[in-house]
């Protein structure tokens, strides 16, 4: 599958989560808080909300619970993310 990660095309595989793609491509950082502190994948099962990203323009999407789809656009989130 073709996925865009922070504006760059990357390859993902069917059944992978967005978190898995982020780990494979860039490491553990998924977002920055409003103060600029880095956050990443912590629990990996959708409980902690540390792995929030922007998927297809929708902020606050849990990367560990979201399966990739062909053509998906994923961006690391900064602060609360872009307004909807």
PDB file of N, CA and C in Angstrom:
ATOM      1  N   UNK A   1       0.832  -1.169   0.000  1.00  0.00           N
ATOM      2  CA  UNK A   1       0.000   0.000   0.000  1.00  0.00           C
ATOM      3  C   UNK A   1       0.882   1.238   0.000  1.00  0.00           C
ATOM      4  N   UNK A   2       0.391   2.279  -0.617  1.00  0.00           N
ATOM      5  CA  UNK A   2       1.109   3.549  -0.626  1.00  0.00           C
ATOM      6  C   UNK A   2       0.490   4.481   0.413  1.00  0.00           C
ATOM      7  N   UNK A   3       1.331   5.007   1.284  1.00  0.00           N
ATOM      8  CA  UNK A   3       0.913   5.901   2.347  1.00  0.00           C
ATOM      9  C   UNK A   3       1.822   7.123   2.299  1.00  0.00           C
ATOM     10  N   UNK A   4       1.270   8.283   2.589  1.00  0.00           N
ATOM     11  CA  UNK A   4       2.083   9.498   2.678  1.00  0.00           C
ATOM     12  C   UNK A   4       2.311   9.803   4.151  1.00  0.00           C
ATOM     13  N   UNK A   5       3.572   9.877   4.544  1.00  0.00           N
ATOM     14  CA  UNK A   5       3.956  10.140   5.921  1.00  0.00           C
ATOM     15  C   UNK A   5       4.697  11.469   5.990  1.00  0.00           C
ATOM     16  N   UNK A   6       4.089  12.448   6.620  1.00  0.00           N
ATOM     17  CA  UNK A   6       4.673  13.794   6.704  1.00  0.00           C
ATOM     18  C   UNK A   6       5.065  14.325   5.329  1.00  0.00           C
ATOM     19  N   UNK A   7       4.201  14.066   4.345  1.00  0.00           N
ATOM     20  CA  UNK A   7       4.414  14.582   2.998  1.00  0.00           C
ATOM     21  C   UNK A   7       5.315  13.725   2.114  1.00  0.00           C
ATOM     22  N   UNK A   8       5.857  12.644   2.656  1.00  0.00           N
ATOM     23  CA  UNK A   8       6.732  11.755   1.890  1.00  0.00           C
ATOM     24  C   UNK A   8       6.036  10.432   1.604  1.00  0.00           C
ATOM     25  N   UNK A   9       6.115   9.944   0.381  1.00  0.00           N
ATOM     26  CA  UNK A   9       5.518   8.635   0.101  1.00  0.00           C
ATOM     27  C   UNK A   9       6.304   7.528   0.802  1.00  0.00           C
ATOM     28  N   UNK A  10       5.599   6.560   1.330  1.00  0.00           N
ATOM     29  CA  UNK A  10       6.225   5.403   1.959  1.00  0.00           C
ATOM     30  C   UNK A  10       5.368   4.179   1.683  1.00  0.00           C
ATOM     31  N   UNK A  11       5.928   3.023   1.927  1.00  0.00           N
ATOM     32  CA  UNK A  11       5.219   1.771   1.675  1.00  0.00           C
ATOM     33  C   UNK A  11       4.740   1.201   3.001  1.00  0.00           C
ATOM     34  N   UNK A  12       3.519   0.707   3.008  1.00  0.00           N
ATOM     35  CA  UNK A  12       2.958   0.028   4.168  1.00  0.00           C
ATOM     36  C   UNK A  12       2.374  -1.297   3.693  1.00  0.00           C
ATOM     37  N   UNK A  13       2.089  -2.160   4.635  1.00  0.00           N
ATOM     38  CA  UNK A  13       1.576  -3.481   4.296  1.00  0.00           C
ATOM     39  C   UNK A  13       0.181  -3.686   4.883  1.00  0.00           C
ATOM     40  N   UNK A  14      -0.647  -4.406   4.156  1.00  0.00           N
ATOM     41  CA  UNK A  14      -2.003  -4.674   4.607  1.00  0.00           C
ATOM     42  C   UNK A  14      -1.971  -5.299   6.000  1.00  0.00           C
ATOM     43  N   UNK A  15      -2.828  -4.804   6.882  1.00  0.00           N
ATOM     44  CA  UNK A  15      -2.898  -5.315   8.242  1.00  0.00           C
ATOM     45  C   UNK A  15      -2.033  -4.567   9.240  1.00  0.00           C
ATOM     46  N   UNK A  16      -1.166  -3.671   8.737  1.00  0.00           N
ATOM     47  CA  UNK A  16      -0.322  -2.877   9.632  1.00  0.00           C
ATOM     48  C   UNK A  16      -1.098  -1.718  10.228  1.00  0.00           C
ATOM     49  N   UNK A  17      -0.719  -1.333  11.430  1.00  0.00           N
ATOM     50  CA  UNK A  17      -1.271  -0.124  12.012  1.00  0.00           C
ATOM     51  C   UNK A  17      -0.418   1.065  11.582  1.00  0.00           C
ATOM     52  N   UNK A  18      -0.971   2.235  11.736  1.00  0.00           N
ATOM     53  CA  UNK A  18      -0.215   3.457  11.467  1.00  0.00           C
ATOM     54  C   UNK A  18       1.013   3.505  12.378  1.00  0.00           C
ATOM     55  N   UNK A  19       0.872   3.068  13.630  1.00  0.00           N
ATOM     56  CA  UNK A  19       2.000   3.045  14.568  1.00  0.00           C
ATOM     57  C   UNK A  19       3.141   2.189  14.026  1.00  0.00           C
ATOM     58  N   UNK A  20       2.835   1.047  13.441  1.00  0.00           N
ATOM     59  CA  UNK A  20       3.868   0.169  12.893  1.00  0.00           C
ATOM     60  C   UNK A  20       4.618   0.851  11.750  1.00  0.00           C
ATOM     61  N   UNK A  21       3.901   1.572  10.916  1.00  0.00           N
ATOM     62  CA  UNK A  21       4.532   2.299   9.815  1.00  0.00           C
ATOM     63  C   UNK A  21       5.457   3.384  10.368  1.00  0.00           C
ATOM     64  N   UNK A  22       4.988   4.112  11.379  1.00  0.00           N
ATOM     65  CA  UNK A  22       5.813   5.159  11.989  1.00  0.00           C
ATOM     66  C   UNK A  22       7.089   4.577  12.598  1.00  0.00           C
ATOM     67  N   UNK A  23       6.972   3.459  13.296  1.00  0.00           N
ATOM     68  CA  UNK A  23       8.149   2.825  13.890  1.00  0.00           C
ATOM     69  C   UNK A  23       9.128   2.400  12.809  1.00  0.00           C
ATOM     70  N   UNK A  24       8.615   1.784  11.750  1.00  0.00           N
ATOM     71  CA  UNK A  24       9.483   1.303  10.676  1.00  0.00           C
ATOM     72  C   UNK A  24      10.181   2.435   9.944  1.00  0.00           C
ATOM     73  N   UNK A  25       9.515   3.565   9.792  1.00  0.00           N
ATOM     74  CA  UNK A  25      10.057   4.667   9.004  1.00  0.00           C
ATOM     75  C   UNK A  25      10.860   5.676   9.802  1.00  0.00           C
ATOM     76  N   UNK A  26      10.405   6.014  10.988  1.00  0.00           N
ATOM     77  CA  UNK A  26      10.977   7.173  11.670  1.00  0.00           C
ATOM     78  C   UNK A  26      11.285   6.964  13.136  1.00  0.00           C
ATOM     79  N   UNK A  27      10.978   5.842  13.715  1.00  0.00           N
ATOM     80  CA  UNK A  27      11.171   5.680  15.153  1.00  0.00           C
ATOM     81  C   UNK A  27       9.878   5.869  15.913  1.00  0.00           C
ATOM     82  N   UNK A  28       9.982   6.162  17.197  1.00  0.00           N
ATOM     83  CA  UNK A  28       8.816   6.139  18.068  1.00  0.00           C
ATOM     84  C   UNK A  28       8.043   7.440  18.177  1.00  0.00           C
ATOM     85  N   UNK A  29       8.592   8.566  17.767  1.00  0.00           N
ATOM     86  CA  UNK A  29       7.905   9.842  17.954  1.00  0.00           C
ATOM     87  C   UNK A  29       6.704   9.962  17.023  1.00  0.00           C
ATOM     88  N   UNK A  30       5.532  10.236  17.629  1.00  0.00           N
ATOM     89  CA  UNK A  30       4.315  10.398  16.833  1.00  0.00           C
ATOM     90  C   UNK A  30       3.780  11.814  16.874  1.00  0.00           C
ATOM     91  N   UNK A  31       4.103  12.548  17.937  1.00  0.00           N
ATOM     92  CA  UNK A  31       3.552  13.898  18.055  1.00  0.00           C
ATOM     93  C   UNK A  31       4.405  14.730  18.998  1.00  0.00           C
ATOM     94  N   UNK A  32       4.085  16.028  19.037  1.00  0.00           N
ATOM     95  CA  UNK A  32       4.673  16.948  20.003  1.00  0.00           C
ATOM     96  C   UNK A  32       3.538  17.625  20.760  1.00  0.00           C
ATOM     97  N   UNK A  33       3.744  17.812  22.057  1.00  0.00           N
ATOM     98  CA  UNK A  33       2.751  18.528  22.850  1.00  0.00           C
ATOM     99  C   UNK A  33       2.815  20.004  22.489  1.00  0.00           C
ATOM    100  N   UNK A  34       1.891  20.788  23.008  1.00  0.00           N
ATOM    101  CA  UNK A  34       1.887  22.227  22.744  1.00  0.00           C
ATOM    102  C   UNK A  34       3.172  22.887  23.226  1.00  0.00           C
ATOM    103  N   UNK A  35       3.807  22.318  24.249  1.00  0.00           N
ATOM    104  CA  UNK A  35       5.063  22.883  24.756  1.00  0.00           C
ATOM    105  C   UNK A  35       6.279  22.361  24.006  1.00  0.00           C
ATOM    106  N   UNK A  36       6.085  21.436  23.062  1.00  0.00           N
ATOM    107  CA  UNK A  36       7.170  20.925  22.238  1.00  0.00           C
ATOM    108  C   UNK A  36       7.772  19.614  22.708  1.00  0.00           C
ATOM    109  N   UNK A  37       7.236  19.010  23.769  1.00  0.00           N
ATOM    110  CA  UNK A  37       7.736  17.723  24.249  1.00  0.00           C
ATOM    111  C   UNK A  37       7.311  16.605  23.299  1.00  0.00           C
ATOM    112  N   UNK A  38       8.224  15.705  23.000  1.00  0.00           N
ATOM    113  CA  UNK A  38       7.924  14.581  22.110  1.00  0.00           C
ATOM    114  C   UNK A  38       7.126  13.511  22.830  1.00  0.00           C
ATOM    115  N   UNK A  39       6.215  12.908  22.106  1.00  0.00           N
ATOM    116  CA  UNK A  39       5.432  11.787  22.610  1.00  0.00           C
ATOM    117  C   UNK A  39       5.479  10.682  21.562  1.00  0.00           C
ATOM    118  N   UNK A  40       5.137   9.479  21.974  1.00  0.00           N
ATOM    119  CA  UNK A  40       5.189   8.359  21.042  1.00  0.00           C
ATOM    120  C   UNK A  40       4.287   7.233  21.477  1.00  0.00           C
ATOM    121  N   UNK A  41       4.574   6.051  20.966  1.00  0.00           N
ATOM    122  CA  UNK A  41       3.773   4.886  21.265  1.00  0.00           C
ATOM    123  C   UNK A  41       4.141   4.414  22.666  1.00  0.00           C
ATOM    124  N   UNK A  42       3.152   4.301  23.522  1.00  0.00           N
ATOM    125  CA  UNK A  42       3.403   3.907  24.904  1.00  0.00           C
ATOM    126  C   UNK A  42       2.748   2.557  25.206  1.00  0.00           C
ATOM    127  N   UNK A  43       1.423   2.512  25.173  1.00  0.00           N
ATOM    128  CA  UNK A  43       0.751   1.259  25.543  1.00  0.00           C
ATOM    129  C   UNK A  43       0.557   0.335  24.340  1.00  0.00           C
ATOM    130  N   UNK A  44       0.363   0.908  23.162  1.00  0.00           N
ATOM    131  CA  UNK A  44       0.175   0.108  21.954  1.00  0.00           C
ATOM    132  C   UNK A  44      -1.178  -0.578  21.855  1.00  0.00           C
ATOM    133  N   UNK A  45      -2.124  -0.229  22.746  1.00  0.00           N
ATOM    134  CA  UNK A  45      -3.436  -0.869  22.688  1.00  0.00           C
ATOM    135  C   UNK A  45      -4.596   0.108  22.850  1.00  0.00           C
ATOM    136  N   UNK A  46      -4.339   1.399  22.619  1.00  0.00           N
ATOM    137  CA  UNK A  46      -5.406   2.377  22.568  1.00  0.00           C
ATOM    138  C   UNK A  46      -5.906   2.918  23.890  1.00  0.00           C
ATOM    139  N   UNK A  47      -5.136   2.725  24.953  1.00  0.00           N
ATOM    140  CA  UNK A  47      -5.579   3.182  26.263  1.00  0.00           C
ATOM    141  C   UNK A  47      -5.012   4.555  26.619  1.00  0.00           C
ATOM    142  N   UNK A  48      -3.778   4.839  26.254  1.00  0.00           N
ATOM    143  CA  UNK A  48      -3.079   6.008  26.799  1.00  0.00           C
ATOM    144  C   UNK A  48      -3.193   7.293  25.977  1.00  0.00           C
ATOM    145  N   UNK A  49      -3.505   7.228  24.724  1.00  0.00           N
ATOM    146  CA  UNK A  49      -3.645   8.401  23.849  1.00  0.00           C
ATOM    147  C   UNK A  49      -2.327   9.161  23.638  1.00  0.00           C
ATOM    148  N   UNK A  50      -1.182   8.506  23.790  1.00  0.00           N
ATOM    149  CA  UNK A  50       0.109   9.159  23.536  1.00  0.00           C
ATOM    150  C   UNK A  50       0.480   9.137  22.057  1.00  0.00           C
ATOM    151  N   UNK A  51      -0.096   8.249  21.283  1.00  0.00           N
ATOM    152  CA  UNK A  51       0.322   8.044  19.892  1.00  0.00           C
ATOM    153  C   UNK A  51      -0.539   8.788  18.878  1.00  0.00           C
ATOM    154  N   UNK A  52      -1.111   9.905  19.278  1.00  0.00           N
ATOM    155  CA  UNK A  52      -2.024  10.636  18.401  1.00  0.00           C
ATOM    156  C   UNK A  52      -1.319  11.203  17.178  1.00  0.00           C
ATOM    157  N   UNK A  53      -1.964  11.074  16.033  1.00  0.00           N
ATOM    158  CA  UNK A  53      -1.472  11.609  14.762  1.00  0.00           C
ATOM    159  C   UNK A  53      -2.647  12.214  14.012  1.00  0.00           C
ATOM    160  N   UNK A  54      -2.352  12.848  12.893  1.00  0.00           N
ATOM    161  CA  UNK A  54      -3.384  13.377  12.003  1.00  0.00           C
ATOM    162  C   UNK A  54      -3.485  12.417  10.819  1.00  0.00           C
ATOM    163  N   UNK A  55      -4.648  11.829  10.619  1.00  0.00           N
ATOM    164  CA  UNK A  55      -4.859  10.888   9.511  1.00  0.00           C
ATOM    165  C   UNK A  55      -5.900  11.476   8.575  1.00  0.00           C
ATOM    166  N   UNK A  56      -5.506  11.689   7.338  1.00  0.00           N
ATOM    167  CA  UNK A  56      -6.404  12.257   6.314  1.00  0.00           C
ATOM    168  C   UNK A  56      -7.088  13.524   6.824  1.00  0.00           C
ATOM    169  N   UNK A  57      -6.326  14.358   7.535  1.00  0.00           N
ATOM    170  CA  UNK A  57      -6.828  15.632   8.022  1.00  0.00           C
ATOM    171  C   UNK A  57      -7.570  15.578   9.346  1.00  0.00           C
ATOM    172  N   UNK A  58      -7.733  14.388   9.912  1.00  0.00           N
ATOM    173  CA  UNK A  58      -8.451  14.229  11.184  1.00  0.00           C
ATOM    174  C   UNK A  58      -7.435  14.126  12.321  1.00  0.00           C
ATOM    175  N   UNK A  59      -7.377  15.149  13.202  1.00  0.00           N
ATOM    176  CA  UNK A  59      -6.424  15.103  14.312  1.00  0.00           C
ATOM    177  C   UNK A  59      -6.870  14.128  15.403  1.00  0.00           C
ATOM    178  N   UNK A  60      -5.940  13.857  16.325  1.00  0.00           N
ATOM    179  CA  UNK A  60      -6.215  13.038  17.512  1.00  0.00           C
ATOM    180  C   UNK A  60      -6.644  11.618  17.170  1.00  0.00           C
ATOM    181  N   UNK A  61      -6.033  11.060  16.127  1.00  0.00           N
ATOM    182  CA  UNK A  61      -6.289   9.682  15.736  1.00  0.00           C
ATOM    183  C   UNK A  61      -5.242   8.790  16.391  1.00  0.00           C
ATOM    184  N   UNK A  62      -5.670   7.763  17.096  1.00  0.00           N
ATOM    185  CA  UNK A  62      -4.728   6.855  17.759  1.00  0.00           C
ATOM    186  C   UNK A  62      -4.054   5.972  16.715  1.00  0.00           C
ATOM    187  N   UNK A  63      -2.748   6.155  16.553  1.00  0.00           N
ATOM    188  CA  UNK A  63      -2.015   5.417  15.518  1.00  0.00           C
ATOM    189  C   UNK A  63      -1.937   3.924  15.807  1.00  0.00           C
ATOM    190  N   UNK A  64      -1.970   3.538  17.074  1.00  0.00           N
ATOM    191  CA  UNK A  64      -1.870   2.116  17.408  1.00  0.00           C
ATOM    192  C   UNK A  64      -3.161   1.356  17.127  1.00  0.00           C
ATOM    193  N   UNK A  65      -4.266   2.066  16.929  1.00  0.00           N
ATOM    194  CA  UNK A  65      -5.564   1.434  16.709  1.00  0.00           C
ATOM    195  C   UNK A  65      -6.078   1.616  15.279  1.00  0.00           C
ATOM    196  N   UNK A  66      -5.302   2.293  14.442  1.00  0.00           N
ATOM    197  CA  UNK A  66      -5.755   2.626  13.098  1.00  0.00           C
ATOM    198  C   UNK A  66      -4.990   1.817  12.059  1.00  0.00           C
ATOM    199  N   UNK A  67      -5.691   1.012  11.285  1.00  0.00           N
ATOM    200  CA  UNK A  67      -5.062   0.248  10.215  1.00  0.00           C
ATOM    201  C   UNK A  67      -4.825   1.145   9.010  1.00  0.00           C
ATOM    202  N   UNK A  68      -3.696   0.935   8.342  1.00  0.00           N
ATOM    203  CA  UNK A  68      -3.395   1.742   7.163  1.00  0.00           C
ATOM    204  C   UNK A  68      -4.302   1.336   6.003  1.00  0.00           C
ATOM    205  N   UNK A  69      -4.582   2.310   5.156  1.00  0.00           N
ATOM    206  CA  UNK A  69      -5.312   2.055   3.920  1.00  0.00           C
ATOM    207  C   UNK A  69      -4.523   2.685   2.782  1.00  0.00           C
ATOM    208  N   UNK A  70      -4.711   2.171   1.603  1.00  0.00           N
ATOM    209  CA  UNK A  70      -3.992   2.686   0.450  1.00  0.00           C
ATOM    210  C   UNK A  70      -4.346   4.154   0.221  1.00  0.00           C
ATOM    211  N   UNK A  71      -3.341   4.986   0.070  1.00  0.00           N
ATOM    212  CA  UNK A  71      -3.544   6.397  -0.179  1.00  0.00           C
ATOM    213  C   UNK A  71      -3.694   7.250   1.075  1.00  0.00           C
ATOM    214  N   UNK A  72      -3.607   6.638   2.244  1.00  0.00           N
ATOM    215  CA  UNK A  72      -3.764   7.360   3.517  1.00  0.00           C
ATOM    216  C   UNK A  72      -2.676   8.421   3.667  1.00  0.00           C
ATOM    217  N   UNK A  73      -3.061   9.571   4.241  1.00  0.00           N
ATOM    218  CA  UNK A  73      -2.119  10.653   4.551  1.00  0.00           C
ATOM    219  C   UNK A  73      -1.962  10.733   6.065  1.00  0.00           C
ATOM    220  N   UNK A  74      -0.751  10.553   6.544  1.00  0.00           N
ATOM    221  CA  UNK A  74      -0.465  10.580   7.976  1.00  0.00           C
ATOM    222  C   UNK A  74       0.535  11.691   8.254  1.00  0.00           C
ATOM    223  N   UNK A  75       0.247  12.484   9.273  1.00  0.00           N
ATOM    224  CA  UNK A  75       1.166  13.540   9.691  1.00  0.00           C
ATOM    225  C   UNK A  75       1.347  13.460  11.195  1.00  0.00           C
ATOM    226  N   UNK A  76       2.568  13.723  11.629  1.00  0.00           N
ATOM    227  CA  UNK A  76       2.792  13.832  13.069  1.00  0.00           C
ATOM    228  C   UNK A  76       2.045  15.059  13.576  1.00  0.00           C
ATOM    229  N   UNK A  77       1.432  14.912  14.712  1.00  0.00           N
ATOM    230  CA  UNK A  77       0.597  15.981  15.246  1.00  0.00           C
ATOM    231  C   UNK A  77       1.416  16.930  16.121  1.00  0.00           C
ATOM    232  N   UNK A  78       1.135  18.208  15.994  1.00  0.00           N
ATOM    233  CA  UNK A  78       1.765  19.226  16.827  1.00  0.00           C
ATOM    234  C   UNK A  78       0.683  19.853  17.696  1.00  0.00           C
ATOM    235  N   UNK A  79       0.845  19.773  19.003  1.00  0.00           N
ATOM    236  CA  UNK A  79      -0.160  20.307  19.915  1.00  0.00           C
ATOM    237  C   UNK A  79      -1.476  19.583  19.758  1.00  0.00           C
ATOM    238  N   UNK A  80      -2.560  20.344  19.724  1.00  0.00           N
ATOM    239  CA  UNK A  80      -3.896  19.767  19.584  1.00  0.00           C
ATOM    240  C   UNK A  80      -4.199  19.358  18.146  1.00  0.00           C
ATOM    241  N   UNK A  81      -3.311  19.662  17.213  1.00  0.00           N
ATOM    242  CA  UNK A  81      -3.531  19.329  15.815  1.00  0.00           C
ATOM    243  C   UNK A  81      -4.302  20.411  15.103  1.00  0.00           C
ATOM    244  N   UNK A  82      -4.429  20.271  13.793  1.00  0.00           N
ATOM    245  CA  UNK A  82      -5.159  21.294  13.027  1.00  0.00           C
ATOM    246  C   UNK A  82      -6.645  21.269  13.363  1.00  0.00           C
ATOM    247  N   UNK A  83      -7.289  22.411  13.321  1.00  0.00           N
ATOM    248  CA  UNK A  83      -8.736  22.427  13.571  1.00  0.00           C
ATOM    249  C   UNK A  83      -9.465  21.674  12.473  1.00  0.00           C
ATOM    250  N   UNK A  84     -10.563  21.086  12.803  1.00  0.00           N
ATOM    251  CA  UNK A  84     -11.350  20.328  11.816  1.00  0.00           C
ATOM    252  C   UNK A  84     -12.162  21.240  10.956  1.00  0.00           C
TER     253      UNK A  84
END
